[in-house]
Structures are given as C-alpha cells and as structure tokens.
Amino acid sequence: MYLIPKNIKVKREIFKGYGIKEVLLLGLSVFIGFILAKLFGKGLVKVFFFCFFPILTFLITLPMPSGNGNILGILIKMIRFRLSQKKFKKYA
C-alpha cells in the first residue's frame, strides 16, 4: 500500500473538502425542496419545506475537521457494518 502525500488531491474539489458529488446532492435537495414547497403549504410552511432539505444536506455532507470524510460517509459505513454482522442464536 502506497501512502498519498497531503498535497495530492484524490478527488476533484470545488471548495475545500466539498466535491462534485456533494454539490450534486445539494442541487438535488434544493430541487426536492422546491417541489415540496410548490405542492404543499402556504406562507411559512413553504419556506420551511424549501429550506429544510438543502440545510440538512449541507450539514450531512459538510467535511469533518479531522479529515475523516463527512457525516453521510460515517452513517453509510455504520449501516454497512450493522448489516454485515453475523447473528448468533443463543441455545439454552
């Protein structure tokens, strides 16, 4: 296994730690929020529907300060780990 120096970027980044995949997810969440705001609600409820999904997506895909990825990646790894665990039966 080869070590990658810190100054070499592995993925294309638009902002520091924020790549194309994250920007596409944010755009998709803005679109979903726009559709929900058009379909449901009046006044303040529309603003809530329009803002909730983009803000949630931004917070989930925000890079961690330690450089270990983001919250979404950690949640995906946790779900994969829990699903891959073997289930043992206790025999009495």
PDB file of N, CA and C in Angstrom:
ATOM      1  N   MET A   1       0.836  -1.164   0.000  1.00  0.00           N
ATOM      2  CA  MET A   1       0.000   0.000   0.000  1.00  0.00           C
ATOM      3  C   MET A   1       0.890   1.238   0.000  1.00  0.00           C
ATOM      4  N   TYR A   2       0.599   2.162  -0.902  1.00  0.00           N
ATOM      5  CA  TYR A   2       1.380   3.382  -1.015  1.00  0.00           C
ATOM      6  C   TYR A   2       0.694   4.522  -0.278  1.00  0.00           C
ATOM      7  N   LEU A   3       1.487   5.346   0.378  1.00  0.00           N
ATOM      8  CA  LEU A   3       0.943   6.499   1.080  1.00  0.00           C
ATOM      9  C   LEU A   3       0.817   7.667   0.105  1.00  0.00           C
ATOM     10  N   ILE A   4      -0.277   8.399   0.206  1.00  0.00           N
ATOM     11  CA  ILE A   4      -0.518   9.549  -0.663  1.00  0.00           C
ATOM     12  C   ILE A   4      -0.142  10.808   0.114  1.00  0.00           C
ATOM     13  N   PRO A   5       0.733  11.647  -0.434  1.00  0.00           N
ATOM     14  CA  PRO A   5       1.085  12.891   0.272  1.00  0.00           C
ATOM     15  C   PRO A   5      -0.129  13.797   0.440  1.00  0.00           C
ATOM     16  N   LYS A   6      -0.075  14.689   1.453  1.00  0.00           N
ATOM     17  CA  LYS A   6      -1.222  15.554   1.763  1.00  0.00           C
ATOM     18  C   LYS A   6      -1.528  16.543   0.653  1.00  0.00           C
ATOM     19  N   ASN A   7      -0.521  16.962  -0.111  1.00  0.00           N
ATOM     20  CA  ASN A   7      -0.775  17.992  -1.116  1.00  0.00           C
ATOM     21  C   ASN A   7      -1.357  17.426  -2.410  1.00  0.00           C
ATOM     22  N   ILE A   8      -1.510  16.127  -2.523  1.00  0.00           N
ATOM     23  CA  ILE A   8      -2.108  15.489  -3.697  1.00  0.00           C
ATOM     24  C   ILE A   8      -3.597  15.299  -3.440  1.00  0.00           C
ATOM     25  N   LYS A   9      -4.432  15.816  -4.330  1.00  0.00           N
ATOM     26  CA  LYS A   9      -5.886  15.680  -4.176  1.00  0.00           C
ATOM     27  C   LYS A   9      -6.339  14.397  -4.860  1.00  0.00           C
ATOM     28  N   VAL A  10      -7.146  13.606  -4.152  1.00  0.00           N
ATOM     29  CA  VAL A  10      -7.659  12.352  -4.684  1.00  0.00           C
ATOM     30  C   VAL A  10      -8.932  12.587  -5.482  1.00  0.00           C
ATOM     31  N   LYS A  11      -9.732  13.546  -5.061  1.00  0.00           N
ATOM     32  CA  LYS A  11     -10.976  13.839  -5.764  1.00  0.00           C
ATOM     33  C   LYS A  11     -10.986  15.306  -6.183  1.00  0.00           C
ATOM     34  N   ARG A  12     -11.809  15.604  -7.168  1.00  0.00           N
ATOM     35  CA  ARG A  12     -11.936  16.995  -7.607  1.00  0.00           C
ATOM     36  C   ARG A  12     -12.785  17.748  -6.604  1.00  0.00           C
ATOM     37  N   GLU A  13     -12.252  18.845  -6.123  1.00  0.00           N
ATOM     38  CA  GLU A  13     -12.940  19.633  -5.117  1.00  0.00           C
ATOM     39  C   GLU A  13     -13.295  21.002  -5.672  1.00  0.00           C
ATOM     40  N   ILE A  14     -14.516  21.420  -5.409  1.00  0.00           N
ATOM     41  CA  ILE A  14     -14.940  22.762  -5.787  1.00  0.00           C
ATOM     42  C   ILE A  14     -14.560  23.717  -4.659  1.00  0.00           C
ATOM     43  N   PHE A  15     -14.902  23.353  -3.427  1.00  0.00           N
ATOM     44  CA  PHE A  15     -14.449  24.057  -2.234  1.00  0.00           C
ATOM     45  C   PHE A  15     -13.581  23.076  -1.472  1.00  0.00           C
ATOM     46  N   LYS A  16     -12.889  23.531  -0.452  1.00  0.00           N
ATOM     47  CA  LYS A  16     -12.007  22.639   0.313  1.00  0.00           C
ATOM     48  C   LYS A  16     -12.818  21.540   0.986  1.00  0.00           C
ATOM     49  N   GLY A  17     -12.629  20.316   0.549  1.00  0.00           N
ATOM     50  CA  GLY A  17     -13.340  19.178   1.104  1.00  0.00           C
ATOM     51  C   GLY A  17     -14.743  18.975   0.568  1.00  0.00           C
ATOM     52  N   TYR A  18     -15.166  19.797  -0.369  1.00  0.00           N
ATOM     53  CA  TYR A  18     -16.527  19.739  -0.887  1.00  0.00           C
ATOM     54  C   TYR A  18     -16.446  19.508  -2.385  1.00  0.00           C
ATOM     55  N   GLY A  19     -16.733  18.274  -2.819  1.00  0.00           N
ATOM     56  CA  GLY A  19     -16.545  17.887  -4.208  1.00  0.00           C
ATOM     57  C   GLY A  19     -17.796  17.971  -5.053  1.00  0.00           C
ATOM     58  N   ILE A  20     -17.684  17.414  -6.244  1.00  0.00           N
ATOM     59  CA  ILE A  20     -18.775  17.456  -7.216  1.00  0.00           C
ATOM     60  C   ILE A  20     -19.983  16.657  -6.718  1.00  0.00           C
ATOM     61  N   LYS A  21     -19.720  15.514  -6.102  1.00  0.00           N
ATOM     62  CA  LYS A  21     -20.813  14.675  -5.596  1.00  0.00           C
ATOM     63  C   LYS A  21     -21.650  15.427  -4.560  1.00  0.00           C
ATOM     64  N   GLU A  22     -20.995  16.144  -3.665  1.00  0.00           N
ATOM     65  CA  GLU A  22     -21.716  16.888  -2.637  1.00  0.00           C
ATOM     66  C   GLU A  22     -22.533  18.034  -3.236  1.00  0.00           C
ATOM     67  N   VAL A  23     -21.971  18.699  -4.239  1.00  0.00           N
ATOM     68  CA  VAL A  23     -22.693  19.798  -4.881  1.00  0.00           C
ATOM     69  C   VAL A  23     -23.917  19.261  -5.631  1.00  0.00           C
ATOM     70  N   LEU A  24     -23.789  18.092  -6.269  1.00  0.00           N
ATOM     71  CA  LEU A  24     -24.932  17.482  -6.952  1.00  0.00           C
ATOM     72  C   LEU A  24     -26.020  17.080  -5.953  1.00  0.00           C
ATOM     73  N   LEU A  25     -25.622  16.525  -4.807  1.00  0.00           N
ATOM     74  CA  LEU A  25     -26.602  16.186  -3.772  1.00  0.00           C
ATOM     75  C   LEU A  25     -27.305  17.442  -3.254  1.00  0.00           C
ATOM     76  N   LEU A  26     -26.561  18.519  -3.093  1.00  0.00           N
ATOM     77  CA  LEU A  26     -27.164  19.763  -2.635  1.00  0.00           C
ATOM     78  C   LEU A  26     -28.144  20.315  -3.667  1.00  0.00           C
ATOM     79  N   GLY A  27     -27.783  20.241  -4.942  1.00  0.00           N
ATOM     80  CA  GLY A  27     -28.701  20.687  -6.001  1.00  0.00           C
ATOM     81  C   GLY A  27     -29.968  19.854  -6.045  1.00  0.00           C
ATOM     82  N   LEU A  28     -29.818  18.533  -5.870  1.00  0.00           N
ATOM     83  CA  LEU A  28     -30.984  17.647  -5.837  1.00  0.00           C
ATOM     84  C   LEU A  28     -31.885  17.975  -4.656  1.00  0.00           C
ATOM     85  N   SER A  29     -31.295  18.279  -3.507  1.00  0.00           N
ATOM     86  CA  SER A  29     -32.117  18.603  -2.340  1.00  0.00           C
ATOM     87  C   SER A  29     -32.820  19.951  -2.503  1.00  0.00           C
ATOM     88  N   VAL A  30     -32.177  20.903  -3.185  1.00  0.00           N
ATOM     89  CA  VAL A  30     -32.849  22.179  -3.471  1.00  0.00           C
ATOM     90  C   VAL A  30     -34.049  21.934  -4.387  1.00  0.00           C
ATOM     91  N   PHE A  31     -33.871  21.071  -5.382  1.00  0.00           N
ATOM     92  CA  PHE A  31     -34.967  20.738  -6.298  1.00  0.00           C
ATOM     93  C   PHE A  31     -36.121  20.065  -5.554  1.00  0.00           C
ATOM     94  N   ILE A  32     -35.805  19.113  -4.669  1.00  0.00           N
ATOM     95  CA  ILE A  32     -36.847  18.430  -3.890  1.00  0.00           C
ATOM     96  C   ILE A  32     -37.562  19.425  -2.978  1.00  0.00           C
ATOM     97  N   GLY A  33     -36.800  20.318  -2.345  1.00  0.00           N
ATOM     98  CA  GLY A  33     -37.410  21.340  -1.500  1.00  0.00           C
ATOM     99  C   GLY A  33     -38.308  22.273  -2.288  1.00  0.00           C
ATOM    100  N   PHE A  34     -37.901  22.619  -3.502  1.00  0.00           N
ATOM    101  CA  PHE A  34     -38.714  23.490  -4.359  1.00  0.00           C
ATOM    102  C   PHE A  34     -40.023  22.806  -4.741  1.00  0.00           C
ATOM    103  N   ILE A  35     -39.936  21.529  -5.116  1.00  0.00           N
ATOM    104  CA  ILE A  35     -41.145  20.779  -5.487  1.00  0.00           C
ATOM    105  C   ILE A  35     -42.097  20.667  -4.295  1.00  0.00           C
ATOM    106  N   LEU A  36     -41.570  20.339  -3.114  1.00  0.00           N
ATOM    107  CA  LEU A  36     -42.426  20.223  -1.927  1.00  0.00           C
ATOM    108  C   LEU A  36     -43.036  21.563  -1.537  1.00  0.00           C
ATOM    109  N   ALA A  37     -42.273  22.645  -1.711  1.00  0.00           N
ATOM    110  CA  ALA A  37     -42.817  23.969  -1.389  1.00  0.00           C
ATOM    111  C   ALA A  37     -43.936  24.345  -2.351  1.00  0.00           C
ATOM    112  N   LYS A  38     -43.829  23.935  -3.612  1.00  0.00           N
ATOM    113  CA  LYS A  38     -44.886  24.227  -4.575  1.00  0.00           C
ATOM    114  C   LYS A  38     -46.141  23.390  -4.305  1.00  0.00           C
ATOM    115  N   LEU A  39     -45.954  22.139  -3.890  1.00  0.00           N
ATOM    116  CA  LEU A  39     -47.087  21.230  -3.700  1.00  0.00           C
ATOM    117  C   LEU A  39     -47.846  21.487  -2.398  1.00  0.00           C
ATOM    118  N   PHE A  40     -47.105  21.735  -1.317  1.00  0.00           N
ATOM    119  CA  PHE A  40     -47.734  21.803   0.000  1.00  0.00           C
ATOM    120  C   PHE A  40     -47.502  23.156   0.640  1.00  0.00           C
ATOM    121  N   GLY A  41     -48.413  23.530   1.489  1.00  0.00           N
ATOM    122  CA  GLY A  41     -48.217  24.640   2.402  1.00  0.00           C
ATOM    123  C   GLY A  41     -48.473  26.021   1.843  1.00  0.00           C
ATOM    124  N   LYS A  42     -48.569  26.918   2.776  1.00  0.00           N
ATOM    125  CA  LYS A  42     -48.750  28.331   2.470  1.00  0.00           C
ATOM    126  C   LYS A  42     -47.886  29.129   3.433  1.00  0.00           C
ATOM    127  N   GLY A  43     -47.279  30.188   2.946  1.00  0.00           N
ATOM    128  CA  GLY A  43     -46.526  31.104   3.790  1.00  0.00           C
ATOM    129  C   GLY A  43     -45.275  30.506   4.386  1.00  0.00           C
ATOM    130  N   LEU A  44     -45.235  30.446   5.718  1.00  0.00           N
ATOM    131  CA  LEU A  44     -44.054  29.988   6.441  1.00  0.00           C
ATOM    132  C   LEU A  44     -43.772  28.503   6.217  1.00  0.00           C
ATOM    133  N   VAL A  45     -44.805  27.714   5.985  1.00  0.00           N
ATOM    134  CA  VAL A  45     -44.620  26.281   5.730  1.00  0.00           C
ATOM    135  C   VAL A  45     -43.866  26.078   4.425  1.00  0.00           C
ATOM    136  N   LYS A  46     -44.132  26.911   3.424  1.00  0.00           N
ATOM    137  CA  LYS A  46     -43.402  26.832   2.151  1.00  0.00           C
ATOM    138  C   LYS A  46     -41.919  27.117   2.359  1.00  0.00           C
ATOM    139  N   VAL A  47     -41.625  28.126   3.150  1.00  0.00           N
ATOM    140  CA  VAL A  47     -40.222  28.464   3.427  1.00  0.00           C
ATOM    141  C   VAL A  47     -39.537  27.312   4.148  1.00  0.00           C
ATOM    142  N   PHE A  48     -40.246  26.690   5.108  1.00  0.00           N
ATOM    143  CA  PHE A  48     -39.680  25.554   5.829  1.00  0.00           C
ATOM    144  C   PHE A  48     -39.383  24.397   4.878  1.00  0.00           C
ATOM    145  N   PHE A  49     -40.347  24.034   4.013  1.00  0.00           N
ATOM    146  CA  PHE A  49     -40.133  22.943   3.068  1.00  0.00           C
ATOM    147  C   PHE A  49     -38.985  23.249   2.104  1.00  0.00           C
ATOM    148  N   PHE A  50     -38.883  24.502   1.673  1.00  0.00           N
ATOM    149  CA  PHE A  50     -37.848  24.865   0.714  1.00  0.00           C
ATOM    150  C   PHE A  50     -36.462  24.848   1.350  1.00  0.00           C
ATOM    151  N   CYS A  51     -36.356  25.236   2.626  1.00  0.00           N
ATOM    152  CA  CYS A  51     -35.048  25.367   3.277  1.00  0.00           C
ATOM    153  C   CYS A  51     -34.595  24.115   4.023  1.00  0.00           C
ATOM    154  N   PHE A  52     -35.516  23.282   4.469  1.00  0.00           N
ATOM    155  CA  PHE A  52     -35.157  22.157   5.339  1.00  0.00           C
ATOM    156  C   PHE A  52     -34.214  21.171   4.659  1.00  0.00           C
ATOM    157  N   PHE A  53     -34.557  20.692   3.474  1.00  0.00           N
ATOM    158  CA  PHE A  53     -33.750  19.668   2.808  1.00  0.00           C
ATOM    159  C   PHE A  53     -32.367  20.171   2.384  1.00  0.00           C
ATOM    160  N   PRO A  54     -32.241  21.376   1.811  1.00  0.00           N
ATOM    161  CA  PRO A  54     -30.886  21.853   1.490  1.00  0.00           C
ATOM    162  C   PRO A  54     -30.001  22.063   2.721  1.00  0.00           C
ATOM    163  N   ILE A  55     -30.575  22.593   3.804  1.00  0.00           N
ATOM    164  CA  ILE A  55     -29.772  22.793   5.011  1.00  0.00           C
ATOM    165  C   ILE A  55     -29.352  21.452   5.601  1.00  0.00           C
ATOM    166  N   LEU A  56     -30.264  20.494   5.639  1.00  0.00           N
ATOM    167  CA  LEU A  56     -29.938  19.161   6.148  1.00  0.00           C
ATOM    168  C   LEU A  56     -28.867  18.500   5.288  1.00  0.00           C
ATOM    169  N   THR A  57     -28.977  18.595   3.970  1.00  0.00           N
ATOM    170  CA  THR A  57     -27.989  18.013   3.076  1.00  0.00           C
ATOM    171  C   THR A  57     -26.633  18.683   3.247  1.00  0.00           C
ATOM    172  N   PHE A  58     -26.624  20.000   3.388  1.00  0.00           N
ATOM    173  CA  PHE A  58     -25.362  20.711   3.586  1.00  0.00           C
ATOM    174  C   PHE A  58     -24.682  20.263   4.878  1.00  0.00           C
ATOM    175  N   LEU A  59     -25.449  20.130   5.957  1.00  0.00           N
ATOM    176  CA  LEU A  59     -24.858  19.714   7.233  1.00  0.00           C
ATOM    177  C   LEU A  59     -24.370  18.274   7.202  1.00  0.00           C
ATOM    178  N   ILE A  60     -25.087  17.399   6.489  1.00  0.00           N
ATOM    179  CA  ILE A  60     -24.680  15.994   6.407  1.00  0.00           C
ATOM    180  C   ILE A  60     -23.436  15.827   5.551  1.00  0.00           C
ATOM    181  N   THR A  61     -23.302  16.610   4.493  1.00  0.00           N
ATOM    182  CA  THR A  61     -22.157  16.452   3.588  1.00  0.00           C
ATOM    183  C   THR A  61     -20.995  17.381   3.920  1.00  0.00           C
ATOM    184  N   LEU A  62     -21.098  18.163   4.974  1.00  0.00           N
ATOM    185  CA  LEU A  62     -20.030  19.056   5.384  1.00  0.00           C
ATOM    186  C   LEU A  62     -18.820  18.234   5.824  1.00  0.00           C
ATOM    187  N   PRO A  63     -17.613  18.544   5.340  1.00  0.00           N
ATOM    188  CA  PRO A  63     -16.445  17.743   5.718  1.00  0.00           C
ATOM    189  C   PRO A  63     -16.108  17.898   7.201  1.00  0.00           C
ATOM    190  N   MET A  64     -15.637  16.807   7.794  1.00  0.00           N
ATOM    191  CA  MET A  64     -15.250  16.818   9.202  1.00  0.00           C
ATOM    192  C   MET A  64     -13.912  17.540   9.348  1.00  0.00           C
ATOM    193  N   PRO A  65     -13.671  18.204  10.468  1.00  0.00           N
ATOM    194  CA  PRO A  65     -12.405  18.921  10.654  1.00  0.00           C
ATOM    195  C   PRO A  65     -11.189  17.986  10.715  1.00  0.00           C
ATOM    196  N   SER A  66     -11.393  16.746  11.122  1.00  0.00           N
ATOM    197  CA  SER A  66     -10.279  15.807  11.231  1.00  0.00           C
ATOM    198  C   SER A  66      -9.881  15.225   9.881  1.00  0.00           C
ATOM    199  N   GLY A  67     -10.679  15.478   8.838  1.00  0.00           N
ATOM    200  CA  GLY A  67     -10.351  14.969   7.511  1.00  0.00           C
ATOM    201  C   GLY A  67     -10.784  13.534   7.280  1.00  0.00           C
ATOM    202  N   ASN A  68     -11.653  13.002   8.122  1.00  0.00           N
ATOM    203  CA  ASN A  68     -12.098  11.617   8.010  1.00  0.00           C
ATOM    204  C   ASN A  68     -13.378  11.481   7.205  1.00  0.00           C
ATOM    205  N   GLY A  69     -13.658  12.381   6.306  1.00  0.00           N
ATOM    206  CA  GLY A  69     -14.867  12.291   5.498  1.00  0.00           C
ATOM    207  C   GLY A  69     -15.937  13.223   6.026  1.00  0.00           C
ATOM    208  N   ASN A  70     -17.195  12.759   5.903  1.00  0.00           N
ATOM    209  CA  ASN A  70     -18.317  13.572   6.360  1.00  0.00           C
ATOM    210  C   ASN A  70     -19.308  12.685   7.101  1.00  0.00           C
ATOM    211  N   ILE A  71     -20.354  13.293   7.628  1.00  0.00           N
ATOM    212  CA  ILE A  71     -21.329  12.560   8.439  1.00  0.00           C
ATOM    213  C   ILE A  71     -22.045  11.503   7.596  1.00  0.00           C
ATOM    214  N   LEU A  72     -22.332  11.833   6.334  1.00  0.00           N
ATOM    215  CA  LEU A  72     -23.010  10.887   5.452  1.00  0.00           C
ATOM    216  C   LEU A  72     -22.166   9.629   5.256  1.00  0.00           C
ATOM    217  N   GLY A  73     -20.873   9.792   5.036  1.00  0.00           N
ATOM    218  CA  GLY A  73     -19.989   8.637   4.874  1.00  0.00           C
ATOM    219  C   GLY A  73     -19.911   7.785   6.123  1.00  0.00           C
ATOM    220  N   ILE A  74     -19.886   8.434   7.278  1.00  0.00           N
ATOM    221  CA  ILE A  74     -19.847   7.702   8.547  1.00  0.00           C
ATOM    222  C   ILE A  74     -21.144   6.924   8.752  1.00  0.00           C
ATOM    223  N   LEU A  75     -22.287   7.539   8.434  1.00  0.00           N
ATOM    224  CA  LEU A  75     -23.569   6.835   8.569  1.00  0.00           C
ATOM    225  C   LEU A  75     -23.653   5.636   7.625  1.00  0.00           C
ATOM    226  N   ILE A  76     -23.173   5.795   6.393  1.00  0.00           N
ATOM    227  CA  ILE A  76     -23.194   4.686   5.431  1.00  0.00           C
ATOM    228  C   ILE A  76     -22.308   3.547   5.916  1.00  0.00           C
ATOM    229  N   LYS A  77     -21.112   3.860   6.435  1.00  0.00           N
ATOM    230  CA  LYS A  77     -20.223   2.819   6.961  1.00  0.00           C
ATOM    231  C   LYS A  77     -20.845   2.115   8.159  1.00  0.00           C
ATOM    232  N   MET A  78     -21.542   2.875   9.028  1.00  0.00           N
ATOM    233  CA  MET A  78     -22.181   2.278  10.200  1.00  0.00           C
ATOM    234  C   MET A  78     -23.294   1.318   9.787  1.00  0.00           C
ATOM    235  N   ILE A  79     -24.097   1.721   8.794  1.00  0.00           N
ATOM    236  CA  ILE A  79     -25.183   0.852   8.324  1.00  0.00           C
ATOM    237  C   ILE A  79     -24.629  -0.411   7.685  1.00  0.00           C
ATOM    238  N   ARG A  80     -23.579  -0.279   6.867  1.00  0.00           N
ATOM    239  CA  ARG A  80     -22.954  -1.470   6.262  1.00  0.00           C
ATOM    240  C   ARG A  80     -22.401  -2.402   7.325  1.00  0.00           C
ATOM    241  N   PHE A  81     -21.780  -1.846   8.368  1.00  0.00           N
ATOM    242  CA  PHE A  81     -21.226  -2.659   9.442  1.00  0.00           C
ATOM    243  C   PHE A  81     -22.317  -3.412  10.179  1.00  0.00           C
ATOM    244  N   ARG A  82     -23.408  -2.703  10.484  1.00  0.00           N
ATOM    245  CA  ARG A  82     -24.505  -3.363  11.207  1.00  0.00           C
ATOM    246  C   ARG A  82     -25.181  -4.441  10.378  1.00  0.00           C
ATOM    247  N   LEU A  83     -25.293  -4.225   9.060  1.00  0.00           N
ATOM    248  CA  LEU A  83     -25.920  -5.232   8.209  1.00  0.00           C
ATOM    249  C   LEU A  83     -25.015  -6.439   7.974  1.00  0.00           C
ATOM    250  N   SER A  84     -23.703  -6.226   8.056  1.00  0.00           N
ATOM    251  CA  SER A  84     -22.787  -7.328   7.788  1.00  0.00           C
ATOM    252  C   SER A  84     -22.506  -8.178   9.021  1.00  0.00           C
ATOM    253  N   GLN A  85     -22.993  -7.773  10.180  1.00  0.00           N
ATOM    254  CA  GLN A  85     -22.756  -8.536  11.390  1.00  0.00           C
ATOM    255  C   GLN A  85     -23.516  -9.867  11.345  1.00  0.00           C
ATOM    256  N   LYS A  86     -22.854 -10.876  11.817  1.00  0.00           N
ATOM    257  CA  LYS A  86     -23.493 -12.182  11.881  1.00  0.00           C
ATOM    258  C   LYS A  86     -24.403 -12.244  13.091  1.00  0.00           C
ATOM    259  N   LYS A  87     -25.526 -12.883  12.931  1.00  0.00           N
ATOM    260  CA  LYS A  87     -26.469 -13.004  14.026  1.00  0.00           C
ATOM    261  C   LYS A  87     -26.349 -14.421  14.601  1.00  0.00           C
ATOM    262  N   PHE A  88     -25.970 -14.502  15.845  1.00  0.00           N
ATOM    263  CA  PHE A  88     -25.813 -15.789  16.504  1.00  0.00           C
ATOM    264  C   PHE A  88     -26.991 -16.038  17.406  1.00  0.00           C
ATOM    265  N   LYS A  89     -27.488 -17.283  17.371  1.00  0.00           N
ATOM    266  CA  LYS A  89     -28.594 -17.661  18.230  1.00  0.00           C
ATOM    267  C   LYS A  89     -28.034 -18.245  19.507  1.00  0.00           C
ATOM    268  N   LYS A  90     -28.682 -17.894  20.590  1.00  0.00           N
ATOM    269  CA  LYS A  90     -28.263 -18.426  21.884  1.00  0.00           C
ATOM    270  C   LYS A  90     -29.105 -19.658  22.170  1.00  0.00           C
ATOM    271  N   TYR A  91     -28.436 -20.776  22.275  1.00  0.00           N
ATOM    272  CA  TYR A  91     -29.154 -22.025  22.557  1.00  0.00           C
ATOM    273  C   TYR A  91     -29.116 -22.288  24.056  1.00  0.00           C
ATOM    274  N   ALA A  92     -30.268 -22.610  24.584  1.00  0.00           N
ATOM    275  CA  ALA A  92     -30.347 -22.864  26.037  1.00  0.00           C
ATOM    276  C   ALA A  92     -30.301 -24.339  26.304  1.00  0.00           C
TER     277      ALA A  92
END
